[in-house]
């Protein structure tokens, strides 16, 4: 494991990535209902707007609105302002809508590419952390720190396992109740907090000692059980590779190690902290470990798309190691300061990795990340197009949530130009 590699992907990996074909199945309930809204929205999107730019704008909106919530309630115990909950609901809705149309915009402009899938899933891995954390703050779950820890890490684990399943079977599979349903449930939670106030979630239910907020977030448990039931079938049916292995020919159990190196230390440090660093600063703690989980998930997606073995260790784990070693030496440095140092390190490492991966693939495919270099040929025909052996294309998101979207009423380009 080198600290810095001049190139993350070798020539063979880049070749396999360029040959990668996106495969996804979905039976989501809400996806079918939301198709008209998504199709209308993409029809109003300018043709010059690059699909990956749509994805990153949605992610930025989601992050900023959640950070507003964290600013007012960093410990998830103080009631955030109602308007902040409303803004956060809007942020999740904007992110979900933009994330749903980036693939449609890619097909509409004829600018699909394998990196689009990677870029989309990379943004999703980060947004999962912020969406889960925002929901916990909206219901004041900081009063129940263990339950808050479980909720946030359950969301990260489910997202990782979905791509683990894709690494084994070659297909990303989504059930009847999946990510879209979860996102709209969280939007509903934020709206209730905005209308009735966050304190409504502290209401005790008759005959039950736990408040309403704990019950409202319990749908994560139901979703986890439903997913686990489907996930276990992956190991029963074995992988799509040689002798039932993964797409890379590795053991189907190999991805469990990198993610365990995130979750297990997070729980141990939480339990062993003498200064109660997690209970006092839950938002910062979850963001720190959430970015490590996002980095590991991104590496899994890259391993899937390049049909490569996933490395077990990563330099982002140095962040949690700082906290662990500081506890071992009886908190030689205040844990709060080490937690901030850990957060800065893992965020910087995640951005460095994602940026370098994008640049390497853009260079290999001769494409651009956030810009469509020229208008689609169908809209602006040129009588004598200049010859170009490798025309530049935009790196776009080709990762719609289901194959059924290809047969959805995508708008005719002539009617929306």
Protein backbone atom coordinates (compact mmCIF):
# COMPACT_ATOMS: atom_id res chain seq x y z
CA UNK A 1 0.00 0.00 0.00
CA UNK A 2 1.85 3.07 -1.23
CA UNK A 3 1.10 6.47 0.28
CA UNK A 4 0.88 8.08 -3.14
CA UNK A 5 0.66 6.45 -6.54
CA UNK A 6 1.40 8.39 -9.67
CA UNK A 7 -1.36 6.37 -11.32
CA UNK A 8 -4.07 4.52 -9.44
CA UNK A 9 -5.29 2.50 -12.43
CA UNK A 10 -2.98 0.57 -14.73
CA UNK A 11 -3.47 0.12 -18.47
CA UNK A 12 -5.26 -3.22 -18.10
CA UNK A 13 -7.73 -1.79 -15.58
CA UNK A 14 -8.46 1.20 -17.79
CA UNK A 15 -9.08 -1.10 -20.74
CA UNK A 16 -11.53 -3.23 -18.77
CA UNK A 17 -13.27 -0.10 -17.47
CA UNK A 18 -13.76 1.21 -21.01
CA UNK A 19 -15.42 -2.12 -21.87
CA UNK A 20 -17.67 -2.09 -18.79
CA UNK A 21 -21.42 -2.20 -19.39
CA UNK A 22 -23.80 -0.90 -16.76
CA UNK A 23 -26.25 -3.53 -15.51
CA UNK A 24 -29.07 -2.78 -13.09
CA UNK A 25 -32.43 -4.31 -12.20
CA UNK A 26 -35.08 -2.56 -10.15
CA UNK A 27 -38.64 -3.13 -9.05
CA UNK A 28 -38.92 0.07 -7.02
CA UNK A 29 -42.47 1.26 -6.37
CA UNK A 30 -41.79 4.99 -6.45
CA UNK A 31 -39.50 4.95 -9.48
CA UNK A 32 -42.40 4.13 -11.79
CA UNK A 33 -44.60 6.83 -10.27
CA UNK A 34 -41.89 9.48 -10.48
CA UNK A 35 -41.02 8.86 -14.13
CA UNK A 36 -43.35 11.63 -15.44
CA UNK A 37 -41.77 14.17 -13.06
CA UNK A 38 -38.24 13.15 -14.02
CA UNK A 39 -39.04 13.22 -17.74
CA UNK A 40 -40.59 16.69 -17.44
CA UNK A 41 -37.60 17.91 -15.44
CA UNK A 42 -35.04 16.66 -17.97
CA UNK A 43 -37.06 18.26 -20.76
CA UNK A 44 -36.46 21.66 -19.11
CA UNK A 45 -32.74 21.02 -18.68
CA UNK A 46 -30.50 22.90 -21.16
CA UNK A 47 -28.76 20.64 -23.65
CA UNK A 48 -25.39 22.23 -22.85
CA UNK A 49 -25.61 21.17 -19.17
CA UNK A 50 -23.31 18.19 -18.64
CA UNK A 51 -24.91 15.26 -16.79
CA UNK A 52 -22.09 14.98 -14.26
CA UNK A 53 -22.50 18.66 -13.51
CA UNK A 54 -26.15 17.92 -12.70
CA UNK A 55 -25.06 15.19 -10.28
CA UNK A 56 -22.44 17.28 -8.49
CA UNK A 57 -24.79 20.27 -8.16
CA UNK A 58 -27.35 18.05 -6.46
CA UNK A 59 -24.70 16.71 -4.09
CA UNK A 60 -23.53 20.23 -3.20
CA UNK A 61 -27.11 21.28 -2.40
CA UNK A 62 -27.55 18.22 -0.22
CA UNK A 63 -24.28 18.80 1.66
CA UNK A 64 -24.88 22.53 2.24
CA UNK A 65 -28.45 22.07 3.53
CA UNK A 66 -27.34 19.28 5.88
CA UNK A 67 -24.42 21.36 7.17
CA UNK A 68 -26.92 24.09 8.07
CA UNK A 69 -28.76 21.54 10.20
CA UNK A 70 -25.49 20.39 11.79
CA UNK A 71 -24.53 24.00 12.55
CA UNK A 72 -27.64 24.49 14.68
CA UNK A 73 -27.53 21.03 16.30
CA UNK A 74 -24.05 19.50 16.26
CA UNK A 75 -24.92 17.12 19.09
CA UNK A 76 -28.33 16.14 17.61
CA UNK A 77 -29.93 17.05 20.96
CA UNK A 78 -30.73 20.70 20.43
CA UNK A 79 -33.85 21.34 18.32
CA UNK A 80 -32.77 22.87 15.00
CA UNK A 81 -34.88 25.73 13.58
CA UNK A 82 -37.96 24.64 11.66
CA UNK A 83 -36.80 26.48 8.57
CA UNK A 84 -33.52 24.53 8.63
CA UNK A 85 -35.48 21.25 8.56
CA UNK A 86 -37.55 22.58 5.66
CA UNK A 87 -34.43 23.59 3.77
CA UNK A 88 -32.91 20.16 4.40
CA UNK A 89 -36.07 18.49 3.03
CA UNK A 90 -35.72 20.62 -0.08
CA UNK A 91 -32.04 19.69 -0.34
CA UNK A 92 -32.78 15.96 -0.29
CA UNK A 93 -35.55 16.43 -2.87
CA UNK A 94 -33.30 18.43 -5.18
CA UNK A 95 -30.50 15.89 -4.87
CA UNK A 96 -32.83 12.94 -5.52
CA UNK A 97 -34.41 14.60 -8.56
CA UNK A 98 -31.12 15.66 -10.13
CA UNK A 99 -29.58 12.28 -9.41
CA UNK A 100 -32.49 10.64 -11.24
CA UNK A 101 -32.19 12.70 -14.43
CA UNK A 102 -28.43 12.68 -15.00
CA UNK A 103 -28.60 9.43 -16.94
CA UNK A 104 -31.55 10.70 -18.97
CA UNK A 105 -29.58 13.82 -19.81
CA UNK A 106 -26.66 11.61 -20.85
CA UNK A 107 -28.77 9.65 -23.32
CA UNK A 108 -30.48 12.82 -24.46
CA UNK A 109 -27.14 14.40 -25.38
CA UNK A 110 -25.50 11.16 -26.54
CA UNK A 111 -22.69 11.55 -24.03
CA UNK A 112 -22.74 8.31 -22.03
CA UNK A 113 -19.51 6.89 -20.66
CA UNK A 114 -18.43 4.33 -18.03
CA UNK A 115 -17.12 7.05 -15.72
CA UNK A 116 -20.64 8.40 -15.46
CA UNK A 117 -21.65 5.35 -13.44
CA UNK A 118 -18.60 5.66 -11.22
CA UNK A 119 -19.14 9.38 -10.69
CA UNK A 120 -22.82 8.87 -9.84
CA UNK A 121 -22.15 6.10 -7.31
CA UNK A 122 -19.30 8.11 -5.82
CA UNK A 123 -21.62 11.04 -5.15
CA UNK A 124 -24.25 8.66 -3.76
CA UNK A 125 -21.75 7.20 -1.28
CA UNK A 126 -21.13 10.68 0.13
CA UNK A 127 -24.77 11.78 0.11
CA UNK A 128 -25.77 8.62 2.02
CA UNK A 129 -23.76 9.86 5.01
CA UNK A 130 -25.27 13.35 4.95
CA UNK A 131 -28.85 12.19 4.37
CA UNK A 132 -28.71 9.68 7.24
CA UNK A 133 -27.09 12.21 9.59
CA UNK A 134 -29.61 14.92 8.68
CA UNK A 135 -32.52 12.61 9.46
CA UNK A 136 -31.07 11.77 12.88
CA UNK A 137 -30.65 15.46 13.74
CA UNK A 138 -34.19 16.29 12.58
CA UNK A 139 -35.66 13.81 15.11
CA UNK A 140 -33.16 14.73 17.88
CA UNK A 141 -31.70 11.24 18.01
CA UNK A 142 -28.65 12.46 19.90
CA UNK A 143 -30.47 11.61 23.13
CA UNK A 144 -30.07 7.98 22.07
CA UNK A 145 -26.46 7.92 20.80
CA UNK A 146 -26.23 4.15 20.31
CA UNK A 147 -29.39 4.12 18.22
CA UNK A 148 -28.10 7.10 16.20
CA UNK A 149 -24.82 5.26 15.62
CA UNK A 150 -26.72 2.21 14.42
CA UNK A 151 -28.97 4.24 12.10
CA UNK A 152 -26.12 6.05 10.34
CA UNK A 153 -23.82 3.06 10.00
CA UNK A 154 -26.71 0.87 8.91
CA UNK A 155 -27.32 3.24 5.99
CA UNK A 156 -23.64 3.16 5.01
CA UNK A 157 -23.53 -0.63 5.33
CA UNK A 158 -26.61 -1.15 3.18
CA UNK A 159 -25.14 1.04 0.44
CA UNK A 160 -21.84 -0.83 0.60
CA UNK A 161 -23.58 -4.21 0.52
CA UNK A 162 -25.57 -3.21 -2.58
CA UNK A 163 -22.29 -2.67 -4.43
CA UNK A 164 -20.79 -5.75 -2.84
CA UNK A 165 -23.67 -7.67 -4.40
CA UNK A 166 -22.93 -6.01 -7.76
CA UNK A 167 -19.25 -6.97 -7.41
CA UNK A 168 -20.32 -10.59 -6.95
CA UNK A 169 -23.14 -10.86 -9.50
CA UNK A 170 -22.19 -8.16 -12.01
CA UNK A 171 -25.60 -6.51 -11.63
CA UNK A 172 -26.80 -3.78 -9.25
CA UNK A 173 -30.10 -5.05 -7.86
CA UNK A 174 -32.79 -2.89 -6.26
CA UNK A 175 -35.93 -4.14 -4.59
CA UNK A 176 -39.50 -2.94 -4.23
CA UNK A 177 -38.54 -0.71 -1.33
CA UNK A 178 -35.10 0.75 -1.90
CA UNK A 179 -33.13 3.99 -2.01
CA UNK A 180 -35.86 6.17 -3.58
CA UNK A 181 -38.42 5.12 -0.97
CA UNK A 182 -35.90 5.75 1.82
CA UNK A 183 -35.09 9.22 0.50
CA UNK A 184 -38.74 10.23 0.33
CA UNK A 185 -39.35 8.86 3.83
CA UNK A 186 -36.53 11.11 5.09
CA UNK A 187 -38.02 14.06 3.20
CA UNK A 188 -41.29 13.37 5.06
CA UNK A 189 -39.42 13.35 8.39
CA UNK A 190 -37.84 16.74 7.64
CA UNK A 191 -41.20 18.19 6.60
CA UNK A 192 -42.85 17.01 9.82
CA UNK A 193 -40.04 18.64 11.80
CA UNK A 194 -40.46 21.83 9.77
CA UNK A 195 -44.24 21.97 10.25
CA UNK A 196 -44.69 20.69 13.81
CA UNK A 197 -41.22 21.39 15.18
CA UNK A 198 -38.41 18.93 16.02
CA UNK A 199 -39.70 18.55 19.59
CA UNK A 200 -42.67 16.58 18.26
CA UNK A 201 -40.33 13.58 17.94
CA UNK A 202 -39.76 13.52 21.71
CA UNK A 203 -43.42 12.69 22.28
CA UNK A 204 -43.79 9.49 24.25
CA UNK A 205 -46.11 6.89 22.78
CA UNK A 206 -48.59 5.48 25.28
CA UNK A 207 -47.39 2.16 26.65
CA UNK A 208 -43.94 2.53 25.09
CA UNK A 209 -41.01 4.21 26.82
CA UNK A 210 -39.25 5.21 23.60
CA UNK A 211 -40.13 8.53 21.91
CA UNK A 212 -41.71 8.94 18.51
CA UNK A 213 -38.38 9.81 16.88
CA UNK A 214 -36.92 6.37 17.62
CA UNK A 215 -39.93 4.69 16.06
CA UNK A 216 -39.82 6.98 13.03
CA UNK A 217 -36.28 5.92 12.22
CA UNK A 218 -36.97 2.24 12.85
CA UNK A 219 -37.87 1.79 9.18
CA UNK A 220 -34.13 1.42 8.64
CA UNK A 221 -34.27 -1.86 10.55
CA UNK A 222 -37.13 -3.12 8.38
CA UNK A 223 -35.26 -2.08 5.26
CA UNK A 224 -32.09 -3.76 6.49
CA UNK A 225 -33.87 -7.03 7.21
CA UNK A 226 -35.54 -6.95 3.79
CA UNK A 227 -32.22 -6.31 2.07
CA UNK A 228 -30.40 -8.98 4.06
CA UNK A 229 -32.97 -11.54 2.99
CA UNK A 230 -32.20 -10.74 -0.65
CA UNK A 231 -28.48 -10.30 -0.05
CA UNK A 232 -28.03 -13.79 1.38
CA UNK A 233 -29.29 -15.19 -1.92
CA UNK A 234 -26.13 -13.75 -3.50
CA UNK A 235 -23.98 -16.20 -1.54
CA UNK A 236 -26.39 -19.08 -2.13
CA UNK A 237 -26.32 -18.56 -5.91
CA UNK A 238 -22.57 -17.70 -5.85
CA UNK A 239 -20.82 -15.19 -8.07
CA UNK A 240 -20.73 -14.71 -11.82
CA UNK A 241 -16.96 -15.26 -12.06
CA UNK A 242 -15.00 -18.44 -12.49
CA UNK A 243 -15.94 -21.14 -9.95
CA UNK A 244 -18.57 -18.86 -8.42
CA UNK A 245 -16.17 -16.02 -7.69
CA UNK A 246 -16.65 -12.25 -8.11
CA UNK A 247 -16.38 -10.41 -11.44
CA UNK A 248 -12.65 -10.10 -10.69
CA UNK A 249 -12.24 -13.83 -9.93
CA UNK A 250 -11.74 -13.20 -6.20
CA UNK A 251 -13.55 -14.63 -3.19
CA UNK A 252 -17.12 -13.41 -2.79
CA UNK A 253 -16.35 -12.77 0.91
CA UNK A 254 -13.28 -10.58 0.28
CA UNK A 255 -15.12 -7.20 0.41
CA UNK A 256 -16.15 -7.80 4.03
CA UNK A 257 -12.62 -7.05 5.31
CA UNK A 258 -12.15 -3.43 4.09
CA UNK A 259 -15.54 -2.30 5.42
CA UNK A 260 -15.07 -4.12 8.72
CA UNK A 261 -11.92 -2.06 9.19
CA UNK A 262 -14.20 1.00 9.19
CA UNK A 263 -17.19 -0.14 11.26
CA UNK A 264 -15.42 -2.15 13.98
CA UNK A 265 -12.91 0.60 14.97
CA UNK A 266 -15.72 3.16 14.89
CA UNK A 267 -17.71 1.14 17.43
CA UNK A 268 -14.70 0.32 19.64
CA UNK A 269 -13.53 3.96 19.80
CA UNK A 270 -17.12 5.04 20.57
CA UNK A 271 -17.39 2.56 23.45
CA UNK A 272 -13.90 3.07 24.91
CA UNK A 273 -13.74 6.87 24.80
CA UNK A 274 -13.22 8.30 28.29
CA UNK A 275 -14.16 11.80 27.13
CA UNK A 276 -17.30 10.49 25.36
CA UNK A 277 -16.10 12.01 22.10
CA UNK A 278 -18.93 10.43 20.10
CA UNK A 279 -21.75 11.34 22.51
CA UNK A 280 -20.56 14.96 22.70
CA UNK A 281 -19.77 15.36 18.98
CA UNK A 282 -21.88 12.77 17.11
CA UNK A 283 -22.18 14.74 13.87
CA UNK A 284 -18.43 15.25 13.49
CA UNK A 285 -17.73 11.64 14.47
CA UNK A 286 -20.18 10.21 11.91
CA UNK A 287 -18.88 12.53 9.19
CA UNK A 288 -15.31 11.39 9.86
CA UNK A 289 -16.07 7.68 9.67
CA UNK A 290 -18.67 8.25 6.97
CA UNK A 291 -16.05 9.69 4.62
CA UNK A 292 -13.85 6.66 5.26
CA UNK A 293 -16.82 4.43 4.41
CA UNK A 294 -17.40 6.47 1.24
CA UNK A 295 -13.75 6.02 0.22
CA UNK A 296 -13.92 2.25 0.73
CA UNK A 297 -17.21 2.07 -1.19
CA UNK A 298 -15.69 4.03 -4.08
CA UNK A 299 -12.81 1.58 -4.20
CA UNK A 300 -15.30 -1.29 -4.37
CA UNK A 301 -17.13 0.35 -7.29
CA UNK A 302 -13.81 0.87 -9.09
CA UNK A 303 -12.86 -2.76 -8.46
CA UNK A 304 -16.20 -3.86 -9.93
CA UNK A 305 -15.97 -1.70 -13.04
CA UNK A 306 -12.33 -2.59 -13.70
CA UNK A 307 -12.80 -6.27 -12.74
CA UNK A 308 -9.91 -5.98 -10.30
CA UNK A 309 -9.09 -7.29 -6.86
CA UNK A 310 -9.96 -4.86 -4.09
CA UNK A 311 -7.05 -3.91 -1.81
CA UNK A 312 -7.74 -4.65 1.84
CA UNK A 313 -6.06 -1.58 3.34
CA UNK A 314 -6.33 2.09 2.57
CA UNK A 315 -4.61 5.27 3.73
CA UNK A 316 -7.94 6.76 4.79
CA UNK A 317 -7.83 4.28 7.71
CA UNK A 318 -5.01 6.39 9.13
CA UNK A 319 -7.73 8.77 10.39
CA UNK A 320 -9.46 6.21 12.65
CA UNK A 321 -5.99 4.91 13.61
CA UNK A 322 -5.20 8.36 15.05
CA UNK A 323 -8.16 8.08 17.42
CA UNK A 324 -7.36 4.49 18.31
CA UNK A 325 -3.70 5.17 19.11
CA UNK A 326 -4.58 8.30 21.06
CA UNK A 327 -6.85 6.21 23.28
CA UNK A 328 -4.11 3.60 23.66
CA UNK A 329 -1.76 6.28 24.99
CA UNK A 330 -4.39 7.51 27.47
CA UNK A 331 -5.54 10.48 25.41
CA UNK A 332 -2.21 12.27 25.15
CA UNK A 333 -4.05 14.78 22.95
CA UNK A 334 -7.66 15.82 23.62
CA UNK A 335 -9.89 13.51 21.59
CA UNK A 336 -11.89 16.38 20.15
CA UNK A 337 -8.78 17.78 18.45
CA UNK A 338 -7.77 14.35 17.16
CA UNK A 339 -11.30 13.88 15.81
CA UNK A 340 -11.00 17.12 13.85
CA UNK A 341 -7.60 16.05 12.53
CA UNK A 342 -9.09 12.68 11.54
CA UNK A 343 -11.98 14.37 9.71
CA UNK A 344 -9.69 16.71 7.78
CA UNK A 345 -7.40 13.84 6.80
CA UNK A 346 -10.13 11.51 5.53
CA UNK A 347 -11.92 14.30 3.61
CA UNK A 348 -8.67 15.36 1.92
CA UNK A 349 -7.79 11.76 1.10
CA UNK A 350 -11.26 11.10 -0.36
CA UNK A 351 -11.12 14.19 -2.58
CA UNK A 352 -7.59 13.36 -3.74
CA UNK A 353 -8.59 9.81 -4.65
CA UNK A 354 -11.78 10.78 -6.47
CA UNK A 355 -10.09 13.59 -8.35
CA UNK A 356 -7.17 11.44 -9.47
CA UNK A 357 -9.45 8.60 -10.58
CA UNK A 358 -11.59 11.00 -12.63
CA UNK A 359 -8.58 12.60 -14.31
CA UNK A 360 -7.02 9.25 -15.20
CA UNK A 361 -10.23 7.94 -16.77
CA UNK A 362 -10.91 11.22 -18.57
CA UNK A 363 -7.43 11.09 -20.05
CA UNK A 364 -7.87 7.46 -21.12
CA UNK A 365 -11.31 7.93 -22.70
CA UNK A 366 -10.51 11.39 -24.12
CA UNK A 367 -13.53 12.92 -22.41
CA UNK A 368 -14.35 15.84 -20.16
CA UNK A 369 -15.91 15.68 -16.73
CA UNK A 370 -18.19 18.72 -16.44
CA UNK A 371 -18.53 20.04 -19.99
CA UNK A 372 -19.99 18.94 -23.29
CA UNK A 373 -17.44 20.26 -25.82
CA UNK A 374 -19.91 20.59 -28.69
CA UNK A 375 -23.68 20.46 -29.22
CA UNK A 376 -25.23 17.05 -30.00
CA UNK A 377 -24.96 16.27 -33.71
CA UNK A 378 -28.70 15.63 -34.00
CA UNK A 379 -29.49 19.19 -33.00
CA UNK A 380 -26.86 21.10 -34.91
CA UNK A 381 -25.98 19.14 -38.04
CA UNK A 382 -22.80 20.16 -39.77
CA UNK A 383 -22.58 19.54 -43.51
CA UNK A 384 -18.87 18.77 -43.38
CA UNK A 385 -17.87 17.78 -39.85
CA UNK A 386 -14.14 18.04 -39.25
CA UNK A 387 -12.41 14.67 -39.05
CA UNK A 388 -11.38 13.63 -35.60
CA UNK A 389 -10.08 10.19 -34.73
CA UNK A 390 -11.03 10.53 -31.07
CA UNK A 391 -13.73 13.16 -30.57
CA UNK A 392 -14.04 14.44 -27.07
CA UNK A 393 -17.11 13.48 -25.17
CA UNK A 394 -18.39 14.42 -21.77
CA UNK A 395 -18.02 12.01 -18.90
CA UNK A 396 -21.61 11.49 -17.96
CA UNK A 397 -23.77 9.55 -15.64
CA UNK A 398 -25.18 6.42 -17.16
CA UNK A 399 -26.51 5.12 -13.90
CA UNK A 400 -30.26 5.51 -13.81
CA UNK A 401 -31.86 3.57 -11.05
CA UNK A 402 -33.47 0.94 -13.25
CA UNK A 403 -33.39 -0.55 -16.70
CA UNK A 404 -37.06 0.30 -17.05
CA UNK A 405 -36.11 3.96 -17.42
CA UNK A 406 -34.74 3.19 -20.86
CA UNK A 407 -38.26 2.25 -21.95
CA UNK A 408 -39.82 5.15 -20.07
CA UNK A 409 -41.27 7.99 -22.14
CA UNK A 410 -37.99 9.77 -22.72
CA UNK A 411 -38.62 12.98 -24.50
CA UNK A 412 -37.93 13.39 -28.16
CA UNK A 413 -34.95 15.64 -28.71
CA UNK A 414 -36.74 17.53 -31.50
CA UNK A 415 -39.53 18.50 -29.15
CA UNK A 416 -37.28 19.93 -26.44
CA UNK A 417 -34.56 21.70 -28.37
